Each structure stands twice: as structure tokens, then as C-alpha cells.
């Protein structure tokens, strides 16, 4: 198929393209200047000229707690606008297959874990990333509505757990936890820093999947798209505490210092573990262990350490 991949320059997009060499599909990977998802006219022009048979929507404004709290307007408005533009335009052009990438951030903050797909809009959202979550919920619901009105249009959503891996952002200010901690611990080891700070008590639980595994799932989904559920979690079905992630990364890096907790800092949801029942029934499971994924990610970080993306 001819597949339009939005967000081809992001972590998920780059991991998909790394694996694309093993498959026969032709990927359209426009830059933001070639396809401005915030401009509906630009979206319609691109679809008119290139006529993809499927769209994988992986573009978005992403970041950790600090970034979400600092720019809630951008996380809501830009992500909402991109989702609405690409979905409405795909519907207008009768593109039959659309895979929307959402996030487990859109589940209610106090929902019982593991988080099943039926919990969307069943409770208050986590305030620290509410804007991002609202945008993801809107795109997910729009996929459902389009399919309800036109069943021949298979517009489906996957809900990945937290991700890490190759092509991640390694920054303490705008990245997710694992890459930020990798950079922090490697820097502490290099500088012989005796102590590292952890936000909160470190007992919040998170589920992180290696991004290369998500890319493998994407190709599995493409081949079995007709029988894939409307909304489906994609993750491990296993989680760890923040403290455990710090400890595992420190072990791999060889950092021997201590950890201290800053209880004044926000920690987000206490737990965010997806229910992988539908995923198992769909016939797919992840391959990369946490330790192996951390090792591969550290190797990538060290090999790319002098690139601009790590100094910004």
C-alpha cells in the first residue's frame, strides 16, 4: 500500500521507518513544510496530490510533565487541530484505512488499573497533562464517529503505553521519564555526582515499552487491520515504580551514587498500567525486555550524544 505517515521525524515515526525496509509498503513521509497539519488547506492539497491508501497518524506535540504544565494551550490546541484536520480530510477523500495513535494519558486519573479501553471519558483526567489528553480523546472519538457513519471507513485507534528507545528526546525539560533519567544518570556518573534527585517519593508506577516493539506492532496491525478492534491498548501489561526505573538504569550505566526524593514536585497519576486483554486476543506481544531496551537506548544516546538534538 501507499501509506502516509504523519510525524515521520518523531520517535515513533523514525522507528516505523527503520522497520519499513523489511516490508513492501511505500511510505509517504512529508516534512511539516510539505504537509502542515495545522493548516487544513495544506492537508487537503497533499491528499489530492498523493492519494494515499492508508494514513498512520503519529504526529503530535509530546513531552513530559514539565512540558505539559508549561504549555497546556499548545498541547491542547495544536494536537486537537492536527487530529481534526487529518481525520476530516481523510474522510472527505474516502481514504479507507486510518490508524490513529493515541496515548494512555487519556484514561481517568483515578481509574482502576489495569486500564481497559472502555474507561475513556469515565472520570476526571490527570491535571498535569489534561490538554494533551483532551486532544487525544477527541481524535479517538472522531475515529469512532466516522466509522459509525461510514462502516467502510476503518478508522481505528491504538493506545500505546509510555514509550522509550531509539530517536527519543534526551532532555530533563521536554522528554519523558526514561530518556531524561538516562541522561541525568550518565551525566552524574561522568561528573562524579554523589546524589541524584527523584521527583516525589518514586512510588508512582509506570509502564514503558521499547519503541522498536511498537513499530513491529504497527506492521502487524497493517496486515491484520480488518480484524483489529476499534480501540486497543498496546503495551506490556506490566509496570514498575519510578524508583525501580532509576535503579535499573543506574545498574546498566554503572552509577554507584545515592538517590534523594523531592516530595514537593508533581508526580502525575499514581499508576498507569494498560489492560492488554484485547492485545493478547489480537495475537501480538512485545519482545524486548526492560533491561535490553534500556541497554539499546543508552547505546543510541551515547552514539548520538554530540548531535544538536541532545544539546537543545
Protein backbone atom coordinates (compact mmCIF):
# COMPACT_ATOMS: atom_id res chain seq x y z
CA UNK A 1 0.00 0.00 0.00
CA UNK A 2 0.86 3.64 -0.29
CA UNK A 3 0.82 4.83 3.33
CA UNK A 4 1.01 8.41 4.60
CA UNK A 5 2.93 8.52 7.88
CA UNK A 6 2.49 11.77 9.78
CA UNK A 7 5.15 12.56 12.36
CA UNK A 8 7.76 10.65 10.36
CA UNK A 9 10.51 12.70 12.00
CA UNK A 10 9.40 11.85 15.55
CA UNK A 11 10.48 8.91 17.68
CA UNK A 12 7.62 6.61 16.68
CA UNK A 13 7.83 7.64 13.03
CA UNK A 14 11.57 7.00 12.80
CA UNK A 15 11.21 3.59 14.43
CA UNK A 16 8.47 2.68 11.92
CA UNK A 17 10.68 3.75 9.02
CA UNK A 18 13.64 1.76 10.36
CA UNK A 19 11.47 -1.36 10.14
CA UNK A 20 9.82 -0.38 6.84
CA UNK A 21 12.83 -1.67 4.91
CA UNK A 22 11.67 -5.20 5.77
CA UNK A 23 8.22 -4.62 4.24
CA UNK A 24 6.87 -3.81 0.78
CA UNK A 25 4.70 -0.81 1.59
CA UNK A 26 5.54 2.61 0.15
CA UNK A 27 5.64 5.31 2.84
CA UNK A 28 4.97 8.98 2.23
CA UNK A 29 6.97 10.89 4.87
CA UNK A 30 6.41 14.62 4.32
CA UNK A 31 8.11 17.24 6.46
CA UNK A 32 5.99 19.85 8.23
CA UNK A 33 6.75 22.31 5.43
CA UNK A 34 5.42 19.83 2.86
CA UNK A 35 2.38 18.91 4.97
CA UNK A 36 1.30 21.42 7.60
CA UNK A 37 -1.21 19.51 9.71
CA UNK A 38 -2.28 22.74 11.41
CA UNK A 39 -3.50 24.08 8.01
CA UNK A 40 -6.49 22.22 6.60
CA UNK A 41 -5.84 23.54 3.09
CA UNK A 42 -2.31 22.11 3.21
CA UNK A 43 -3.68 18.74 4.30
CA UNK A 44 -6.26 18.63 1.51
CA UNK A 45 -3.69 19.71 -1.09
CA UNK A 46 -1.31 16.93 -0.04
CA UNK A 47 -4.01 14.26 -0.13
CA UNK A 48 -5.16 15.45 -3.55
CA UNK A 49 -1.65 15.23 -4.98
CA UNK A 50 -0.53 11.94 -3.38
CA UNK A 51 -3.73 9.92 -2.78
CA UNK A 52 -2.53 7.56 -0.02
CA UNK A 53 -4.42 4.33 0.57
CA UNK A 54 -3.85 4.45 4.33
CA UNK A 55 -2.86 7.03 6.93
CA UNK A 56 -0.90 6.37 10.12
CA UNK A 57 -1.24 9.46 12.31
CA UNK A 58 1.78 9.57 14.61
CA UNK A 59 2.37 13.33 14.61
CA UNK A 60 1.91 15.37 17.75
CA UNK A 61 3.29 17.76 20.31
CA UNK A 62 4.69 15.50 23.02
CA UNK A 63 6.62 15.88 26.27
CA UNK A 64 6.81 15.01 29.93
CA UNK A 65 5.13 16.58 32.95
CA UNK A 66 7.20 19.77 32.86
CA UNK A 67 6.47 20.47 29.19
CA UNK A 68 2.74 19.73 29.56
CA UNK A 69 2.45 22.01 32.59
CA UNK A 70 4.40 24.83 30.94
CA UNK A 71 2.45 24.86 27.65
CA UNK A 72 -1.06 23.43 28.17
CA UNK A 73 -2.54 25.62 25.40
CA UNK A 74 -0.11 24.30 22.78
CA UNK A 75 -0.57 20.69 23.88
CA UNK A 76 -4.36 21.03 23.61
CA UNK A 77 -4.82 23.28 20.57
CA UNK A 78 -2.08 22.01 18.25
CA UNK A 79 -2.74 18.33 18.90
CA UNK A 80 -6.50 18.84 18.58
CA UNK A 81 -6.15 20.81 15.35
CA UNK A 82 -3.82 18.27 13.75
CA UNK A 83 -6.12 15.39 14.61
CA UNK A 84 -9.27 17.09 13.36
CA UNK A 85 -7.65 18.27 10.12
CA UNK A 86 -6.15 14.94 9.10
CA UNK A 87 -9.20 12.88 10.10
CA UNK A 88 -11.78 15.14 8.43
CA UNK A 89 -9.69 15.36 5.28
CA UNK A 90 -9.19 11.59 5.19
CA UNK A 91 -12.97 11.19 5.45
CA UNK A 92 -13.54 13.74 2.68
CA UNK A 93 -11.18 11.82 0.37
CA UNK A 94 -12.71 8.45 1.41
CA UNK A 95 -9.35 7.01 2.46
CA UNK A 96 -10.40 3.60 3.69
CA UNK A 97 -7.83 2.90 6.42
CA UNK A 98 -6.70 5.23 9.18
CA UNK A 99 -4.57 4.21 12.18
CA UNK A 100 -4.69 6.85 14.91
CA UNK A 101 -2.01 6.77 17.63
CA UNK A 102 -3.40 7.92 20.95
CA UNK A 103 -1.98 7.71 24.50
CA UNK A 104 -2.77 6.09 27.82
CA UNK A 105 -2.71 9.66 29.21
CA UNK A 106 -6.35 9.93 28.18
CA UNK A 107 -7.56 7.49 30.82
CA UNK A 108 -9.11 8.93 34.03
CA UNK A 109 -6.62 9.70 36.79
CA UNK A 110 -8.44 7.66 39.43
CA UNK A 111 -9.49 4.74 37.22
CA UNK A 112 -8.87 1.23 38.47
CA UNK A 113 -5.79 -0.40 36.95
CA UNK A 114 -5.26 -2.15 34.61
CA UNK A 115 -6.86 0.43 32.32
CA UNK A 116 -9.33 -1.04 29.84
CA UNK A 117 -10.40 0.65 26.61
CA UNK A 118 -13.94 1.10 27.99
CA UNK A 119 -12.71 3.68 30.55
CA UNK A 120 -12.33 6.57 28.10
CA UNK A 121 -14.32 9.59 29.42
CA UNK A 122 -15.36 7.70 32.55
CA UNK A 123 -13.69 10.12 35.01
CA UNK A 124 -11.58 13.21 35.67
CA UNK A 125 -8.31 13.46 33.77
CA UNK A 126 -4.84 13.90 35.27
CA UNK A 127 -4.40 17.73 35.52
CA UNK A 128 -0.69 17.74 34.63
CA UNK A 129 -1.40 16.59 31.05
CA UNK A 130 -5.10 17.29 30.66
CA UNK A 131 -4.76 19.37 27.48
CA UNK A 132 -2.85 16.63 25.67
CA UNK A 133 -5.33 14.02 26.89
CA UNK A 134 -8.35 16.01 25.68
CA UNK A 135 -6.85 16.28 22.20
CA UNK A 136 -6.20 12.54 22.09
CA UNK A 137 -9.74 11.76 23.29
CA UNK A 138 -11.22 13.97 20.56
CA UNK A 139 -9.32 12.18 17.78
CA UNK A 140 -10.21 8.77 19.23
CA UNK A 141 -13.91 9.61 19.39
CA UNK A 142 -13.86 11.11 15.89
CA UNK A 143 -12.46 7.83 14.53
CA UNK A 144 -15.39 6.04 16.17
CA UNK A 145 -17.96 8.51 14.82
CA UNK A 146 -16.61 8.31 11.26
CA UNK A 147 -16.77 4.52 11.33
CA UNK A 148 -20.31 4.64 12.75
CA UNK A 149 -21.47 6.89 9.90
CA UNK A 150 -19.48 5.08 7.19
CA UNK A 151 -18.62 1.49 8.23
CA UNK A 152 -16.49 1.01 5.11
CA UNK A 153 -14.02 3.55 6.53
CA UNK A 154 -11.88 1.65 9.03
CA UNK A 155 -10.63 4.44 11.30
CA UNK A 156 -9.11 2.82 14.37
CA UNK A 157 -7.09 3.91 17.40
CA UNK A 158 -4.25 2.26 19.26
CA UNK A 159 -3.41 3.41 22.77
CA UNK A 160 0.27 2.79 23.49
CA UNK A 161 1.67 2.86 26.98
CA UNK A 162 4.67 5.13 27.63
CA UNK A 163 7.49 4.62 25.13
CA UNK A 164 11.27 4.92 25.07
CA UNK A 165 14.03 3.91 22.70
CA UNK A 166 15.92 4.95 19.60
CA UNK A 167 15.30 8.53 18.39
CA UNK A 168 13.96 9.61 21.79
CA UNK A 169 14.41 13.13 23.17
CA UNK A 170 17.02 13.19 25.91
CA UNK A 171 16.29 16.28 27.96
CA UNK A 172 15.37 16.91 31.57
CA UNK A 173 12.88 19.57 30.44
CA UNK A 174 10.86 18.24 27.47
CA UNK A 175 11.32 14.47 27.35
CA UNK A 176 9.62 11.54 29.01
CA UNK A 177 10.99 9.90 32.12
CA UNK A 178 13.30 7.11 30.91
CA UNK A 179 15.34 9.18 28.40
CA UNK A 180 15.54 12.07 30.88
CA UNK A 181 16.78 9.70 33.61
CA UNK A 182 19.29 8.07 31.26
CA UNK A 183 20.81 11.47 30.51
CA UNK A 184 20.70 12.51 34.17
CA UNK A 185 22.41 9.35 35.44
CA UNK A 186 25.07 9.25 32.71
CA UNK A 187 25.87 12.91 33.39
CA UNK A 188 26.01 12.24 37.15
CA UNK A 189 28.43 9.38 36.60
CA UNK A 190 30.65 11.47 34.30
CA UNK A 191 30.64 14.37 36.80
CA UNK A 192 31.08 12.09 39.84
CA UNK A 193 27.87 13.48 41.34
CA UNK A 194 27.18 11.70 44.62
CA UNK A 195 23.40 12.12 44.69
CA UNK A 196 20.51 12.28 42.18
CA UNK A 197 17.10 13.82 42.82
CA UNK A 198 13.85 11.95 42.09
CA UNK A 199 10.57 13.84 41.88
CA UNK A 200 8.07 12.73 44.54
CA UNK A 201 8.50 9.56 46.57
CA UNK A 202 9.26 7.47 43.48
CA UNK A 203 6.44 5.02 44.22
CA UNK A 204 4.24 6.00 41.26
CA UNK A 205 4.07 3.11 38.79
CA UNK A 206 4.61 3.38 35.04
CA UNK A 207 4.59 1.04 32.06
CA UNK A 208 7.24 1.70 29.41
CA UNK A 209 7.55 -0.21 26.13
CA UNK A 210 10.53 -0.13 23.79
CA UNK A 211 9.59 1.94 20.72
CA UNK A 212 11.01 -0.68 18.35
CA UNK A 213 8.37 -3.08 19.64
CA UNK A 214 5.60 -0.58 18.88
CA UNK A 215 6.94 -0.27 15.32
CA UNK A 216 6.74 -4.05 14.97
CA UNK A 217 3.16 -3.93 16.22
CA UNK A 218 2.29 -1.27 13.61
CA UNK A 219 3.24 -3.62 10.77
CA UNK A 220 1.37 -6.48 12.41
CA UNK A 221 -1.69 -4.21 12.63
CA UNK A 222 -1.40 -3.20 8.96
CA UNK A 223 -1.52 -6.87 7.93
CA UNK A 224 -4.48 -7.68 10.22
CA UNK A 225 -6.29 -4.34 10.14
CA UNK A 226 -9.75 -5.65 9.30
CA UNK A 227 -9.97 -7.71 12.50
CA UNK A 228 -8.27 -5.21 14.80
CA UNK A 229 -10.60 -3.75 17.48
CA UNK A 230 -11.83 -0.17 17.17
CA UNK A 231 -9.75 0.94 20.17
CA UNK A 232 -6.90 -1.15 21.53
CA UNK A 233 -4.22 -0.75 24.16
CA UNK A 234 -0.67 -1.63 23.12
CA UNK A 235 1.80 -2.26 25.91
CA UNK A 236 3.35 -4.82 28.22
CA UNK A 237 0.68 -5.45 30.81
CA UNK A 238 3.48 -4.98 33.40
CA UNK A 239 4.67 -1.88 35.26
CA UNK A 240 7.43 -0.73 37.63
CA UNK A 241 7.85 2.08 40.16
CA UNK A 242 9.79 5.23 39.25
CA UNK A 243 12.38 4.17 41.84
CA UNK A 244 12.80 0.82 40.08
CA UNK A 245 13.40 2.53 36.73
CA UNK A 246 16.08 4.76 38.30
CA UNK A 247 17.70 1.71 39.91
CA UNK A 248 17.67 -0.37 36.71
CA UNK A 249 19.15 2.47 34.63
CA UNK A 250 21.81 3.10 37.30
CA UNK A 251 22.74 -0.59 37.22
CA UNK A 252 23.13 -0.58 33.42
CA UNK A 253 25.12 2.69 33.46
CA UNK A 254 27.23 1.63 36.43
CA UNK A 255 26.30 4.62 38.60
CA UNK A 256 27.03 3.99 42.30
CA UNK A 257 25.63 7.19 43.84
CA UNK A 258 22.57 7.71 46.03
CA UNK A 259 19.03 8.92 45.29
CA UNK A 260 17.05 11.57 47.19
CA UNK A 261 13.35 12.40 46.85
CA UNK A 262 11.85 15.88 46.42
CA UNK A 263 8.34 15.47 47.81
CA UNK A 264 7.33 18.98 46.68
CA UNK A 265 7.40 18.00 42.98
CA UNK A 266 4.38 16.72 40.97
CA UNK A 267 4.34 13.02 40.06
CA UNK A 268 1.22 12.64 37.88
CA UNK A 269 -1.02 9.58 38.10
CA UNK A 270 -0.15 7.03 40.81
CA UNK A 271 -0.39 4.20 38.32
CA UNK A 272 -0.94 3.90 34.57
CA UNK A 273 -1.00 0.23 33.56
CA UNK A 274 -2.90 -0.82 30.45
CA UNK A 275 -5.19 -3.84 30.21
CA UNK A 276 -3.66 -5.96 27.43
CA UNK A 277 -6.56 -8.44 27.08
CA UNK A 278 -7.58 -7.24 23.60
CA UNK A 279 -3.94 -7.10 22.52
CA UNK A 280 -3.39 -10.73 23.50
CA UNK A 281 -6.59 -11.76 21.71
CA UNK A 282 -5.32 -9.91 18.63
CA UNK A 283 -2.29 -12.21 18.73
CA UNK A 284 0.61 -9.85 19.44
CA UNK A 285 3.03 -9.37 22.34
CA UNK A 286 6.21 -7.34 22.91
CA UNK A 287 9.67 -8.88 22.53
CA UNK A 288 12.11 -6.50 24.25
CA UNK A 289 12.75 -6.76 28.00
CA UNK A 290 13.15 -3.61 30.10
CA UNK A 291 16.87 -4.17 30.64
CA UNK A 292 17.50 -4.90 26.96
CA UNK A 293 15.52 -1.83 25.93
CA UNK A 294 17.47 0.37 28.37
CA UNK A 295 20.77 -1.01 27.08
CA UNK A 296 19.79 -0.31 23.45
CA UNK A 297 18.57 3.18 24.33
CA UNK A 298 21.76 4.04 26.23
CA UNK A 299 23.82 2.78 23.29
CA UNK A 300 21.81 5.04 20.97
CA UNK A 301 22.17 8.03 23.30
CA UNK A 302 25.93 7.64 23.61
CA UNK A 303 26.36 7.22 19.85
CA UNK A 304 24.36 10.38 19.15
CA UNK A 305 25.42 12.39 22.20
CA UNK A 306 27.08 15.21 20.25
CA UNK A 307 24.12 15.79 17.93
CA UNK A 308 22.18 19.05 18.24
CA UNK A 309 19.05 17.29 19.49
CA UNK A 310 20.81 16.42 22.76
CA UNK A 311 22.19 19.89 23.42
CA UNK A 312 19.00 21.86 22.81
